[in-house]
Amino acid sequence: MTYLIDNFNEKTTTKKGDIGENIVDNIMLKKGFIPYMPKAGTGAHSFDRLYATRYKKTIFILDIKAKAKRRYYPDTGIDLAHYRQYSHISDKYKIEVVILFVDEESLTVYGGKLINLEAETTITDKSRTLKYPMIVKNIIYFPIKNMIHVSGITQEEAKALKIMTTKKECYKT
C-alpha cells in the first residue's frame, strides 16, 4: 500500500496539481477563506479542499485543476468519474462544489460553481455548434464562457506549471 501512495505522490500530474493548489490557496487566503485539506501523503483523495470563512458562514468544497484550456475548443474539462463524485457530494450533502482551473497558458485562474459549469449551453465557435456539457470518452468538458475569472498568475507560477505539463501536443498552444 505504501508503494501506491508514494507512486501517486511522485506522479508529474500530482506535482503539477500541488503547484496549482498552492497558487489557489494563496488567492483564497487573500479573499478571506481558510483552506482545510486532506492529510499530506495520503495519496488520491475525494477533493482538494474544504474552504470556509473565519466564522464558517460560508463553506464549500473546491477542487483545483492545474491545466490549460483545450487548443481547438473554447473549453476545458475534468475526468467524468470525478465529475460524478462531485455531483454526488453536492447532491447528498447539500454542499456547494467549486472547480477552479489554473491555466498556465492564459496566466489565469478561472472556474465556478459546479451547478453553473454544468448548465446546458450551446456555443457557435468557428462555424461549429458545440453543446455543453460535452462528454468525450472519459472527460466532461465545460465552456470557458460559463466560468468566472478568479485571478491572474505570475510568469514564474506559469513556468513552474509548464515544466510539469504532460498534455498531448494537440492540447498545447
Protein backbone atom coordinates (compact mmCIF):
# COMPACT_ATOMS: atom_id res chain seq x y z
CA MET A 1 0.00 0.00 0.00
CA THR A 2 2.79 2.44 0.80
CA TYR A 3 4.15 1.86 -2.69
CA LEU A 4 0.88 3.05 -4.27
CA ILE A 5 0.79 6.18 -2.11
CA ASP A 6 4.42 7.02 -2.85
CA ASN A 7 3.83 6.35 -6.55
CA PHE A 8 0.80 8.70 -6.58
CA ASN A 9 2.73 11.50 -4.88
CA GLU A 10 5.63 11.13 -7.30
CA LYS A 11 3.50 11.42 -10.43
CA THR A 12 4.20 14.51 -12.53
CA THR A 13 0.49 15.32 -12.64
CA THR A 14 0.30 15.17 -8.84
CA LYS A 15 3.26 17.51 -8.51
CA LYS A 16 1.69 19.91 -11.02
CA GLY A 17 -1.56 19.72 -9.07
CA ASP A 18 0.31 20.60 -5.87
CA ILE A 19 1.63 23.76 -7.55
CA GLY A 20 -1.89 24.70 -8.66
CA GLU A 21 -3.28 24.04 -5.18
CA ASN A 22 -0.65 26.30 -3.61
CA ILE A 23 -1.48 29.08 -6.08
CA VAL A 24 -5.21 28.82 -5.32
CA ASP A 25 -4.61 28.60 -1.54
CA ASN A 26 -2.76 31.91 -1.66
CA ILE A 27 -5.53 33.53 -3.72
CA MET A 28 -8.28 32.22 -1.44
CA LEU A 29 -6.44 33.24 1.76
CA LYS A 30 -6.29 36.81 0.42
CA LYS A 31 -10.06 36.62 -0.17
CA GLY A 32 -10.64 35.61 3.47
CA PHE A 33 -11.13 31.86 3.05
CA ILE A 34 -9.34 29.26 5.18
CA PRO A 35 -8.35 26.03 3.42
CA TYR A 36 -8.86 22.64 5.05
CA MET A 37 -7.10 19.87 3.17
CA PRO A 38 -6.55 16.11 3.23
CA LYS A 39 -3.60 14.99 5.29
CA ALA A 40 -0.41 15.17 3.22
CA GLY A 41 0.92 11.91 1.86
CA THR A 42 -2.41 10.07 1.80
CA GLY A 43 -2.49 9.58 -1.96
CA ALA A 44 -5.60 10.23 -4.04
CA HIS A 45 -8.43 11.98 -2.20
CA SER A 46 -12.10 12.83 -2.78
CA PHE A 47 -11.49 16.55 -3.32
CA ASP A 48 -8.67 19.04 -2.81
CA ARG A 49 -10.01 21.47 -0.24
CA LEU A 50 -12.84 22.45 2.01
CA TYR A 51 -12.82 26.24 2.31
CA ALA A 52 -14.54 28.24 4.99
CA THR A 53 -14.72 31.84 6.10
CA ARG A 54 -13.39 32.54 9.56
CA TYR A 55 -16.75 32.12 11.33
CA LYS A 56 -17.93 29.33 8.98
CA LYS A 57 -20.72 31.43 7.47
CA THR A 58 -19.59 30.20 4.04
CA ILE A 59 -18.30 26.67 3.46
CA PHE A 60 -17.68 24.95 0.14
CA ILE A 61 -15.67 22.19 -1.47
CA LEU A 62 -13.11 23.25 -4.02
CA ASP A 63 -11.28 21.06 -6.46
CA ILE A 64 -8.33 22.54 -8.29
CA LYS A 65 -7.23 21.51 -11.76
CA ALA A 66 -3.83 22.69 -12.96
CA LYS A 67 -4.49 22.60 -16.68
CA ALA A 68 -4.89 24.92 -19.62
CA LYS A 69 -7.96 25.05 -21.84
CA ARG A 70 -8.04 22.94 -24.97
CA ARG A 71 -6.38 24.43 -28.03
CA TYR A 72 -9.10 23.84 -30.60
CA TYR A 73 -12.16 24.27 -28.39
CA PRO A 74 -13.35 27.07 -26.11
CA ASP A 75 -13.46 24.74 -23.12
CA THR A 76 -11.67 22.68 -20.53
CA GLY A 77 -12.69 19.58 -18.67
CA ILE A 78 -12.30 17.06 -15.91
CA ASP A 79 -12.39 13.32 -15.58
CA LEU A 80 -16.00 12.14 -15.88
CA ALA A 81 -15.67 9.88 -12.83
CA HIS A 82 -14.53 12.86 -10.73
CA TYR A 83 -17.44 14.92 -12.03
CA ARG A 84 -19.84 12.19 -10.93
CA GLN A 85 -18.22 12.09 -7.49
CA TYR A 86 -18.51 15.88 -7.09
CA SER A 87 -22.16 15.77 -8.21
CA HIS A 88 -22.87 13.03 -5.68
CA ILE A 89 -21.23 15.00 -2.86
CA SER A 90 -23.16 18.13 -3.81
CA ASP A 91 -26.49 16.31 -4.04
CA LYS A 92 -26.15 14.11 -0.97
CA TYR A 93 -24.59 16.59 1.45
CA LYS A 94 -26.08 19.80 0.03
CA ILE A 95 -22.68 21.48 -0.04
CA GLU A 96 -21.53 23.67 -2.89
CA VAL A 97 -18.76 22.27 -5.08
CA VAL A 98 -16.49 24.69 -6.93
CA ILE A 99 -13.93 23.75 -9.59
CA LEU A 100 -11.08 26.09 -10.45
CA PHE A 101 -8.64 25.72 -13.32
CA VAL A 102 -5.13 27.13 -13.05
CA ASP A 103 -4.24 27.82 -16.69
CA GLU A 104 -0.55 28.30 -17.35
CA GLU A 105 -1.17 29.28 -20.97
CA SER A 106 -3.52 32.20 -20.30
CA LEU A 107 -1.93 33.07 -16.92
CA THR A 108 -5.31 32.90 -15.22
CA VAL A 109 -7.36 31.03 -12.67
CA TYR A 110 -10.98 30.57 -13.71
CA GLY A 111 -13.87 28.26 -12.94
CA GLY A 112 -17.01 28.32 -10.89
CA LYS A 113 -19.70 26.50 -9.03
CA LEU A 114 -20.34 23.05 -10.44
CA ILE A 115 -24.02 23.89 -10.89
CA ASN A 116 -23.05 26.81 -13.18
CA LEU A 117 -20.38 24.90 -15.09
CA GLU A 118 -22.77 22.08 -15.93
CA ALA A 119 -25.52 24.38 -17.21
CA GLU A 120 -26.58 23.37 -20.71
CA THR A 121 -25.01 25.80 -23.13
CA THR A 122 -24.72 25.97 -26.91
CA ILE A 123 -21.80 27.85 -28.43
CA THR A 124 -21.01 28.66 -32.04
CA ASP A 125 -17.26 28.52 -32.50
CA LYS A 126 -15.50 28.68 -35.87
CA SER A 127 -18.71 27.73 -37.70
CA ARG A 128 -19.27 24.75 -35.36
CA THR A 129 -22.16 24.37 -32.97
CA LEU A 130 -20.94 22.95 -29.66
CA LYS A 131 -23.29 21.69 -26.96
CA TYR A 132 -22.14 21.62 -23.35
CA PRO A 133 -21.52 19.91 -21.13
CA MET A 134 -19.72 17.81 -23.74
CA ILE A 135 -18.61 14.29 -22.92
CA VAL A 136 -15.79 12.79 -24.97
CA LYS A 137 -14.55 9.38 -23.83
CA ASN A 138 -13.94 9.77 -20.09
CA ILE A 139 -13.77 13.58 -19.95
CA ILE A 140 -16.59 16.07 -19.41
CA TYR A 141 -15.92 19.49 -20.91
CA PHE A 142 -17.35 22.83 -19.80
CA PRO A 143 -17.22 26.05 -21.83
CA ILE A 144 -14.92 28.82 -20.62
CA LYS A 145 -17.92 31.09 -21.29
CA ASN A 146 -19.65 29.62 -18.19
CA MET A 147 -16.65 30.35 -15.97
CA ILE A 148 -15.61 33.35 -13.93
CA HIS A 149 -12.14 34.86 -13.84
CA VAL A 150 -10.77 34.49 -10.31
CA SER A 151 -7.20 35.77 -10.57
CA GLY A 152 -4.12 36.06 -12.69
CA ILE A 153 -0.96 34.06 -12.08
CA THR A 154 2.64 35.18 -12.40
CA GLN A 155 5.05 34.20 -15.15
CA GLU A 156 7.06 32.29 -12.52
CA GLU A 157 4.00 30.30 -11.46
CA ALA A 158 3.17 29.58 -15.10
CA LYS A 159 6.74 28.42 -15.74
CA ALA A 160 6.60 26.03 -12.78
CA LEU A 161 3.35 24.58 -14.14
CA LYS A 162 4.64 24.31 -17.72
CA ILE A 163 7.62 22.26 -16.58
CA MET A 164 5.15 19.69 -15.20
CA THR A 165 2.77 19.71 -18.18
CA THR A 166 2.05 16.28 -19.63
CA LYS A 167 -0.62 17.38 -22.14
CA LYS A 168 -0.85 15.77 -25.51
CA GLU A 169 0.52 18.00 -28.25
CA CYS A 170 -2.96 18.60 -29.72
CA TYR A 171 -3.94 20.37 -26.49
CA LYS A 172 -0.93 22.68 -26.36
CA THR A 173 -0.98 26.18 -27.78
